[in-house]
Amino acid sequence: MTPHVIKRRALRVEQHPTIPLYMFALAADEVSQVADVARISRDEAGRLIGYQRPEKKQHVRQILEYLDGGEVLFPNGLILALPSTVRFRSSPGPSSFDGLCTSGTLEIPLPDSPDAPRPAWIVDGQQRSLALARTRNSGLAVTVAGFVSEDLETQRDQFLRVNTVSPLPTNLVSELLPEVGTALPTKLSARKLPSALVEALNQDKDSPFRGLVRRASTTAKEKSSTVVADNSLMLAIQESLNLPTGVLSPYKNLSNGTVDTATIRSILVTYWTAVRETFPDAWGLPATKSRLMHGVGIRSMGRLMDRVMMNISPSSPIAVKEAKAELELIQPYCRWTSGRWPDLNIPWNELQNNPRHISTLSNFLLRTYVHEKAKVA
C-alpha cells in the first residue's frame, strides 16, 4: 500500500526570503507519485493553463534505454514546485551549515488514491520524469530541487528561466510570456506585449484572426482551422511597436513604461479586418493555399500597415472602410493564391517565410501602394 507521506532527509537552502528551497532525493518510482506535468493548454474560457511542452517520445525512449542499462550515473536532477502542505523538521542539535542550509526531514503528503492529483508539479525535467516512471530500475535515487510555491506565475517564471540554455519552442515561450508578471530578461520582455496582443486577436469576437492563430496550446483537433503561425503575427506587431516609423510605436511610452493597448488593438483589428475584406478569397485558408496567411504574407502586410494606417483614426466609424479603400490600390497586383507576382516574376507559392522573400514582397507592396497613391492624389 502506498504511504500517505514520503519522508526524506533534506537540506533547506537559505536562498529566497519567502519561498523555501529544499534539496533531497526520490526513488525513480516515487517521482510519478509525487509530481505531475502541467501541460500547456487552455480551458473553456480561453485562459492559459499549464506551461510544459508535449512529450518528446524519442527523447524519453533514449533516456529510458540508458536507465534500463547496467550501471547508471544520473546526476540530471528534477526541479519540482512543491505544495504548501509539505513539512520540514530541522534535525536536533546543530543543523545549520555556515548559514547556507539547514539539514532536516522533509515530509511530502501523497494523494489517497492513484487517480487523485499529485501534490507537486514538474518545472524542469519532464522528459526525464517520464522515463523514470517507466524504468525497470525503479529504486534509482534521483536528485530533486524543490521550491514551495503553488503560484502558477512563479512556476512559469522558473520554467522559462531554467530552459534558456536548451531553448524552448518559440511559440511555447511566446504564449507563456503574458502570464509572467515578474521582471524578465530584455529579449523576453520585448516579446511579452506582442504575445498578449496576438492572444487578444485570437480570442476577441471582433477580431478577423479569431480562432485562426496556431499557438503552443492549440490542440490537434484545432490545428486544421488555425492557419496563422503566432510567431509571424507577433513579429509583425513587434516590428511596428519598435520602429520609429511604426504606426503602433507612438502608443508605447518609453519614458514611463505605459502602453495604450486599447488603441493598438483597435488599429490592428481595423487594419486586418480591412485586409480580410479586400482579399476575401485568400483569407482563412491554409498557408499552402494562400500566401496571405503564410508568414511571408503576414510579415509583409504588417509592414504595409505602417503606411496605410498612418492617417486613419481607428476610432472613426468608417475606419475599416477607409483602410479598405487604401488596400484596394494594391489589390489588382496581388497574387496570394495563384499566378505570378508582377515585377518579381515569382510564382505565388514559391514565396517563403525567410528574410529575403519578406523584404522582397514588402518592398513590392510598398512601392506599388506609393505609386498607386500618387496616381489618385
Protein backbone atom coordinates (compact mmCIF):
# COMPACT_ATOMS: atom_id res chain seq x y z
CA MET A 1 0.00 0.00 0.00
CA THR A 2 1.32 3.44 -0.95
CA PRO A 3 2.23 5.52 2.12
CA HIS A 4 0.35 8.77 2.58
CA VAL A 5 3.56 10.67 3.35
CA ILE A 6 7.04 10.38 1.88
CA LYS A 7 9.76 11.35 4.33
CA ARG A 8 13.22 12.24 3.08
CA ARG A 9 16.36 13.64 4.58
CA ALA A 10 16.76 17.08 3.05
CA LEU A 11 18.64 20.35 3.09
CA ARG A 12 16.71 23.60 3.31
CA VAL A 13 18.75 26.09 1.29
CA GLU A 14 18.59 29.64 2.62
CA GLN A 15 18.07 31.47 -0.64
CA HIS A 16 14.72 33.25 -1.08
CA PRO A 17 13.16 35.08 1.89
CA THR A 18 9.63 33.75 1.32
CA ILE A 19 9.98 30.71 -0.97
CA PRO A 20 11.59 27.70 0.76
CA LEU A 21 14.00 25.65 -1.34
CA TYR A 22 14.83 22.03 -0.49
CA MET A 23 17.40 19.58 -1.86
CA PHE A 24 16.58 15.88 -1.45
CA ALA A 25 16.31 12.55 -3.30
CA LEU A 26 13.44 10.37 -4.50
CA ALA A 27 13.42 6.84 -5.88
CA ALA A 28 12.60 6.67 -9.58
CA ASP A 29 9.17 5.13 -8.97
CA GLU A 30 8.34 7.79 -6.37
CA VAL A 31 8.64 10.69 -8.82
CA SER A 32 5.32 9.90 -10.51
CA GLN A 33 3.66 9.53 -7.09
CA VAL A 34 4.80 12.98 -6.02
CA ALA A 35 4.72 15.13 -9.16
CA ASP A 36 2.75 15.63 -12.32
CA VAL A 37 3.30 17.55 -15.58
CA ALA A 38 1.36 20.77 -16.19
CA ARG A 39 0.75 20.55 -19.94
CA ILE A 40 0.14 23.85 -21.69
CA SER A 41 -3.46 24.21 -22.85
CA ARG A 42 -6.47 26.46 -22.45
CA ASP A 43 -9.67 25.99 -20.52
CA GLU A 44 -13.19 26.52 -21.85
CA ALA A 45 -12.96 30.24 -21.09
CA GLY A 46 -9.74 30.54 -23.11
CA ARG A 47 -7.50 31.03 -20.06
CA LEU A 48 -3.99 29.60 -20.31
CA ILE A 49 -3.29 26.67 -18.02
CA GLY A 50 -0.03 24.80 -17.53
CA TYR A 51 3.31 25.52 -19.19
CA GLN A 52 5.02 22.30 -20.28
CA ARG A 53 5.62 21.32 -23.91
CA PRO A 54 4.36 17.94 -25.23
CA GLU A 55 6.22 14.71 -24.56
CA LYS A 56 9.21 14.04 -26.83
CA LYS A 57 8.84 10.28 -27.27
CA GLN A 58 12.22 9.67 -28.87
CA HIS A 59 13.99 11.67 -26.16
CA VAL A 60 12.14 9.75 -23.44
CA ARG A 61 12.99 6.44 -25.13
CA GLN A 62 16.71 7.32 -25.24
CA ILE A 63 16.74 8.19 -21.52
CA LEU A 64 14.82 5.01 -20.71
CA GLU A 65 17.33 2.85 -22.61
CA TYR A 66 20.12 4.32 -20.51
CA LEU A 67 18.22 3.92 -17.22
CA ASP A 68 17.48 0.28 -18.03
CA GLY A 69 21.11 -0.43 -18.82
CA GLY A 70 23.84 -1.56 -16.44
CA GLU A 71 25.49 0.82 -14.00
CA VAL A 72 23.72 4.16 -14.13
CA LEU A 73 25.04 7.58 -13.18
CA PHE A 74 22.15 10.02 -13.45
CA PRO A 75 23.11 13.41 -11.98
CA ASN A 76 20.50 15.27 -14.03
CA GLY A 77 18.09 16.24 -11.29
CA LEU A 78 14.50 17.42 -11.35
CA ILE A 79 13.04 20.76 -10.29
CA LEU A 80 9.66 20.48 -8.59
CA ALA A 81 7.14 23.04 -7.39
CA LEU A 82 6.06 21.67 -4.02
CA PRO A 83 2.74 22.31 -2.27
CA SER A 84 2.46 24.41 0.86
CA THR A 85 1.40 21.23 2.72
CA VAL A 86 4.99 19.92 2.86
CA ARG A 87 6.59 19.99 6.28
CA PHE A 88 10.26 20.39 7.13
CA ARG A 89 11.59 19.42 10.54
CA SER A 90 15.11 20.52 11.42
CA SER A 91 17.47 17.88 12.76
CA PRO A 92 18.07 18.01 16.51
CA GLY A 93 21.30 19.65 17.57
CA PRO A 94 23.47 21.82 15.30
CA SER A 95 21.93 21.55 11.84
CA SER A 96 22.90 24.78 10.08
CA PHE A 97 25.93 24.84 7.79
CA ASP A 98 27.55 28.28 7.61
CA GLY A 99 24.12 29.87 7.34
CA LEU A 100 23.70 28.50 3.81
CA CYS A 101 21.50 25.49 4.53
CA THR A 102 19.80 23.56 7.31
CA SER A 103 19.54 19.77 7.50
CA GLY A 104 16.35 18.02 8.47
CA THR A 105 13.50 15.84 7.28
CA LEU A 106 11.05 16.81 4.54
CA GLU A 107 7.54 15.33 4.63
CA ILE A 108 5.58 15.29 1.34
CA PRO A 109 1.91 14.29 1.60
CA LEU A 110 0.66 11.91 -1.09
CA PRO A 111 -2.84 11.57 -2.56
CA ASP A 112 -5.16 8.93 -1.11
CA SER A 113 -5.72 7.25 -4.49
CA PRO A 114 -3.71 6.79 -7.71
CA ASP A 115 -6.29 8.84 -9.65
CA ALA A 116 -6.09 11.88 -7.34
CA PRO A 117 -3.98 14.91 -8.36
CA ARG A 118 -0.31 14.75 -7.40
CA PRO A 119 0.82 17.29 -4.82
CA ALA A 120 3.76 18.69 -6.84
CA TRP A 121 4.42 19.91 -10.39
CA ILE A 122 7.48 19.26 -12.53
CA VAL A 123 9.06 22.57 -13.51
CA ASP A 124 12.14 21.12 -15.19
CA GLY A 125 12.89 17.55 -16.26
CA GLN A 126 9.54 16.32 -17.56
CA GLN A 127 11.14 14.08 -20.20
CA ARG A 128 13.42 12.59 -17.53
CA SER A 129 10.46 12.12 -15.18
CA LEU A 130 8.52 10.20 -17.84
CA ALA A 131 11.48 7.87 -18.37
CA LEU A 132 11.93 7.43 -14.62
CA ALA A 133 8.29 6.40 -14.27
CA ARG A 134 8.83 3.59 -16.83
CA THR A 135 12.28 2.30 -15.94
CA ARG A 136 12.89 -1.16 -14.54
CA ASN A 137 15.46 0.46 -12.28
CA SER A 138 12.67 1.71 -10.04
CA GLY A 139 14.82 2.19 -6.94
CA LEU A 140 17.31 4.53 -8.63
CA ALA A 141 17.95 7.60 -6.47
CA VAL A 142 17.09 10.86 -8.25
CA THR A 143 18.25 14.25 -7.04
CA VAL A 144 15.50 16.84 -6.63
CA ALA A 145 15.44 20.59 -6.03
CA GLY A 146 12.01 21.55 -4.77
CA PHE A 147 10.72 25.06 -4.11
CA VAL A 148 7.45 25.61 -2.27
CA SER A 149 5.03 27.58 -4.43
CA GLU A 150 1.50 26.88 -5.61
CA ASP A 151 1.53 30.17 -7.54
CA LEU A 152 1.38 29.33 -11.26
CA GLU A 153 3.06 32.60 -12.20
CA THR A 154 6.13 31.74 -10.09
CA GLN A 155 6.27 28.26 -11.62
CA ARG A 156 6.09 29.67 -15.16
CA ASP A 157 8.76 32.21 -14.37
CA GLN A 158 11.14 29.50 -13.15
CA PHE A 159 10.22 27.26 -16.09
CA LEU A 160 11.21 29.97 -18.58
CA ARG A 161 14.45 30.76 -16.75
CA VAL A 162 15.76 27.20 -16.38
CA ASN A 163 15.13 26.49 -20.06
CA THR A 164 17.25 29.29 -21.51
CA VAL A 165 20.28 27.05 -22.22
CA SER A 166 18.33 24.47 -24.22
CA PRO A 167 15.86 26.78 -25.97
CA LEU A 168 12.17 26.07 -25.64
CA PRO A 169 9.96 26.12 -28.74
CA THR A 170 9.44 29.77 -29.69
CA ASN A 171 5.65 29.55 -29.67
CA LEU A 172 5.62 27.97 -26.20
CA VAL A 173 7.74 30.77 -24.74
CA SER A 174 5.65 33.38 -26.57
CA GLU A 175 2.36 32.09 -25.22
CA LEU A 176 3.64 31.87 -21.65
CA LEU A 177 5.17 35.36 -21.51
CA PRO A 178 1.95 37.36 -20.88
CA GLU A 179 1.24 35.12 -17.89
CA VAL A 180 4.51 36.01 -16.12
CA GLY A 181 4.41 39.17 -14.00
CA THR A 182 7.97 39.16 -12.69
CA ALA A 183 10.85 41.06 -14.29
CA LEU A 184 12.09 39.22 -17.38
CA PRO A 185 15.32 39.37 -19.40
CA THR A 186 15.25 42.13 -22.03
CA LYS A 187 14.73 39.83 -25.02
CA LEU A 188 11.82 38.04 -23.39
CA SER A 189 10.29 41.26 -22.09
CA ALA A 190 10.20 42.72 -25.63
CA ARG A 191 8.03 39.80 -26.76
CA LYS A 192 5.54 39.98 -23.90
CA LEU A 193 3.26 42.75 -25.26
CA PRO A 194 3.16 41.39 -28.85
CA SER A 195 2.24 37.96 -27.49
CA ALA A 196 -0.58 39.40 -25.39
CA LEU A 197 -1.90 41.27 -28.43
CA VAL A 198 -1.76 38.10 -30.55
CA GLU A 199 -3.76 36.28 -27.90
CA ALA A 200 -6.36 39.06 -27.90
CA LEU A 201 -6.60 38.88 -31.69
CA ASN A 202 -7.08 35.12 -31.49
CA GLN A 203 -9.77 35.31 -28.79
CA ASP A 204 -11.78 38.51 -29.31
CA LYS A 205 -15.07 38.24 -31.17
CA ASP A 206 -14.50 41.32 -33.33
CA SER A 207 -11.06 40.21 -34.49
CA PRO A 208 -10.56 38.89 -38.03
CA PHE A 209 -7.99 36.47 -36.59
CA ARG A 210 -10.41 34.90 -34.11
CA GLY A 211 -9.67 31.17 -33.95
CA LEU A 212 -7.13 31.33 -36.78
CA VAL A 213 -3.87 31.60 -34.82
CA ARG A 214 -1.88 28.46 -34.03
CA ARG A 215 -0.30 28.59 -30.57
CA ALA A 216 1.53 26.10 -28.36
CA SER A 217 -1.75 25.31 -26.59
CA THR A 218 -3.59 24.58 -29.85
CA THR A 219 -5.00 21.06 -29.74
CA ALA A 220 -4.65 18.51 -32.54
CA LYS A 221 -8.36 18.93 -33.25
CA GLU A 222 -7.96 22.70 -33.70
CA LYS A 223 -4.90 22.59 -35.95
CA SER A 224 -6.85 22.23 -39.18
CA SER A 225 -8.58 25.59 -38.60
CA THR A 226 -5.61 27.50 -37.20
CA VAL A 227 -3.82 28.74 -40.29
CA VAL A 228 -1.65 31.60 -38.98
CA ALA A 229 1.58 30.96 -37.04
CA ASP A 230 1.56 33.08 -33.90
CA ASN A 231 5.25 33.95 -34.27
CA SER A 232 4.72 35.60 -37.67
CA LEU A 233 1.93 37.81 -36.33
CA MET A 234 3.95 38.55 -33.18
CA LEU A 235 6.96 39.66 -35.21
CA ALA A 236 4.80 41.90 -37.40
CA ILE A 237 3.39 43.61 -34.31
CA GLN A 238 6.77 43.80 -32.56
CA GLU A 239 8.34 45.44 -35.61
CA SER A 240 5.65 48.15 -35.74
CA LEU A 241 5.99 48.74 -31.99
CA ASN A 242 9.78 49.07 -32.05
CA LEU A 243 10.47 51.03 -35.24
CA PRO A 244 10.21 54.84 -35.01
CA THR A 245 8.18 54.77 -38.24
CA GLY A 246 5.84 52.06 -36.97
CA VAL A 247 2.20 53.08 -36.66
CA LEU A 248 1.99 51.34 -33.26
CA SER A 249 5.14 52.87 -31.73
CA PRO A 250 3.58 56.22 -30.64
CA TYR A 251 1.32 54.31 -28.25
CA LYS A 252 4.25 52.86 -26.28
CA ASN A 253 5.58 55.47 -23.85
CA LEU A 254 9.22 54.62 -23.18
CA SER A 255 9.65 57.35 -20.56
CA ASN A 256 7.12 55.96 -18.10
CA GLY A 257 6.67 52.41 -19.41
CA THR A 258 2.94 52.76 -20.17
CA VAL A 259 1.25 51.33 -23.25
CA ASP A 260 -2.07 52.31 -24.81
CA THR A 261 -3.04 48.72 -25.60
CA ALA A 262 -6.66 49.64 -26.38
CA THR A 263 -5.66 51.90 -29.29
CA ILE A 264 -3.01 49.44 -30.51
CA ARG A 265 -5.56 46.65 -30.50
CA SER A 266 -8.06 48.89 -32.35
CA ILE A 267 -5.52 49.69 -35.07
CA LEU A 268 -4.73 46.01 -35.54
CA VAL A 269 -8.38 44.96 -35.71
CA THR A 270 -9.22 47.80 -38.11
CA TYR A 271 -6.36 47.12 -40.47
CA TRP A 272 -6.59 43.34 -40.59
CA THR A 273 -10.38 43.47 -40.94
CA ALA A 274 -9.80 45.65 -44.00
CA VAL A 275 -7.25 43.11 -45.28
CA ARG A 276 -9.80 40.32 -44.87
CA GLU A 277 -12.46 42.32 -46.74
CA THR A 278 -10.05 43.28 -49.52
CA PHE A 279 -8.84 39.71 -50.06
CA PRO A 280 -11.80 37.51 -49.02
CA ASP A 281 -10.81 34.63 -51.29
CA ALA A 282 -7.34 34.43 -49.72
CA TRP A 283 -8.38 34.87 -46.09
CA GLY A 284 -8.63 31.95 -43.67
CA LEU A 285 -7.02 29.39 -45.97
CA PRO A 286 -4.03 27.21 -45.02
CA ALA A 287 -0.67 28.75 -45.91
CA THR A 288 -0.25 26.09 -48.62
CA LYS A 289 -3.28 27.56 -50.40
CA SER A 290 -2.84 31.25 -49.57
CA ARG A 291 0.40 33.16 -49.11
CA LEU A 292 -1.59 35.89 -47.35
CA MET A 293 -1.92 33.56 -44.36
CA HIS A 294 1.71 32.44 -44.71
CA GLY A 295 4.47 34.03 -42.63
CA VAL A 296 5.73 35.96 -45.67
CA GLY A 297 2.27 37.46 -46.24
CA ILE A 298 1.61 38.35 -42.60
CA ARG A 299 5.02 40.00 -42.19
CA SER A 300 4.83 41.91 -45.48
CA MET A 301 1.28 43.13 -44.95
CA GLY A 302 2.29 44.04 -41.41
CA ARG A 303 4.90 46.43 -42.83
CA LEU A 304 2.36 47.90 -45.20
CA MET A 305 0.12 48.60 -42.19
CA ASP A 306 2.54 51.29 -41.03
CA ARG A 307 1.83 53.29 -44.22
CA VAL A 308 -1.85 52.51 -44.68
CA MET A 309 -2.91 53.32 -41.11
CA MET A 310 -0.75 56.41 -40.76
CA ASN A 311 -3.62 58.84 -41.36
CA ILE A 312 -6.58 56.70 -40.36
CA SER A 313 -8.11 57.08 -36.91
CA PRO A 314 -9.12 53.66 -35.55
CA SER A 315 -11.90 55.31 -33.54
CA SER A 316 -13.59 56.59 -36.71
CA PRO A 317 -16.84 54.76 -37.56
CA ILE A 318 -15.60 54.42 -41.14
CA ALA A 319 -12.02 53.40 -40.28
CA VAL A 320 -12.33 49.93 -41.85
CA LYS A 321 -13.86 51.43 -44.99
CA GLU A 322 -11.02 53.94 -45.24
CA ALA A 323 -8.36 51.26 -44.75
CA LYS A 324 -10.03 49.04 -47.32
CA ALA A 325 -10.01 51.88 -49.85
CA GLU A 326 -6.25 52.20 -49.35
CA LEU A 327 -5.67 48.46 -49.71
CA GLU A 328 -7.74 48.30 -52.87
CA LEU A 329 -4.93 50.28 -54.53
CA ILE A 330 -2.68 47.20 -54.37
CA GLN A 331 -5.39 44.56 -54.73
CA PRO A 332 -5.07 44.13 -58.55
CA TYR A 333 -1.34 43.43 -58.22
CA CYS A 334 -1.50 40.75 -55.50
CA ARG A 335 -1.17 37.06 -56.25
CA TRP A 336 -1.92 35.37 -52.94
CA THR A 337 -3.46 32.14 -54.26
CA SER A 338 -2.44 31.78 -57.91
CA GLY A 339 -0.35 33.27 -60.71
CA ARG A 340 2.98 35.07 -60.63
CA TRP A 341 3.76 38.28 -58.81
CA PRO A 342 4.25 41.14 -61.32
CA ASP A 343 7.73 42.68 -61.47
CA LEU A 344 9.01 39.98 -59.08
CA ASN A 345 8.28 37.18 -61.56
CA ILE A 346 7.85 34.75 -58.65
CA PRO A 347 5.08 32.12 -58.59
CA TRP A 348 2.65 32.76 -55.75
CA ASN A 349 3.52 29.55 -53.90
CA GLU A 350 7.30 29.93 -54.11
CA LEU A 351 7.42 32.86 -51.70
CA GLN A 352 8.90 31.62 -48.43
CA ASN A 353 8.99 32.88 -44.86
CA ASN A 354 12.62 33.98 -44.94
CA PRO A 355 14.22 37.46 -44.66
CA ARG A 356 14.95 37.76 -48.38
CA HIS A 357 11.41 36.97 -49.55
CA ILE A 358 9.81 39.02 -46.75
CA SER A 359 11.93 42.01 -47.79
CA THR A 360 11.24 41.44 -51.49
CA LEU A 361 7.47 41.23 -51.08
CA SER A 362 7.34 44.07 -48.55
CA ASN A 363 9.22 46.41 -50.89
CA PHE A 364 6.98 45.47 -53.80
CA LEU A 365 3.78 46.13 -51.83
CA LEU A 366 5.09 49.48 -50.53
CA ARG A 367 6.30 50.61 -53.96
CA THR A 368 3.00 49.65 -55.54
CA TYR A 369 0.99 51.38 -52.82
CA VAL A 370 3.01 54.62 -53.07
CA HIS A 371 2.83 54.58 -56.87
CA GLU A 372 -0.93 53.99 -56.99
CA LYS A 373 -1.49 56.52 -54.22
CA ALA A 374 0.35 59.18 -56.23
CA LYS A 375 -1.83 58.47 -59.27
CA VAL A 376 -5.05 59.26 -57.39
CA ALA A 377 -3.65 62.20 -55.41
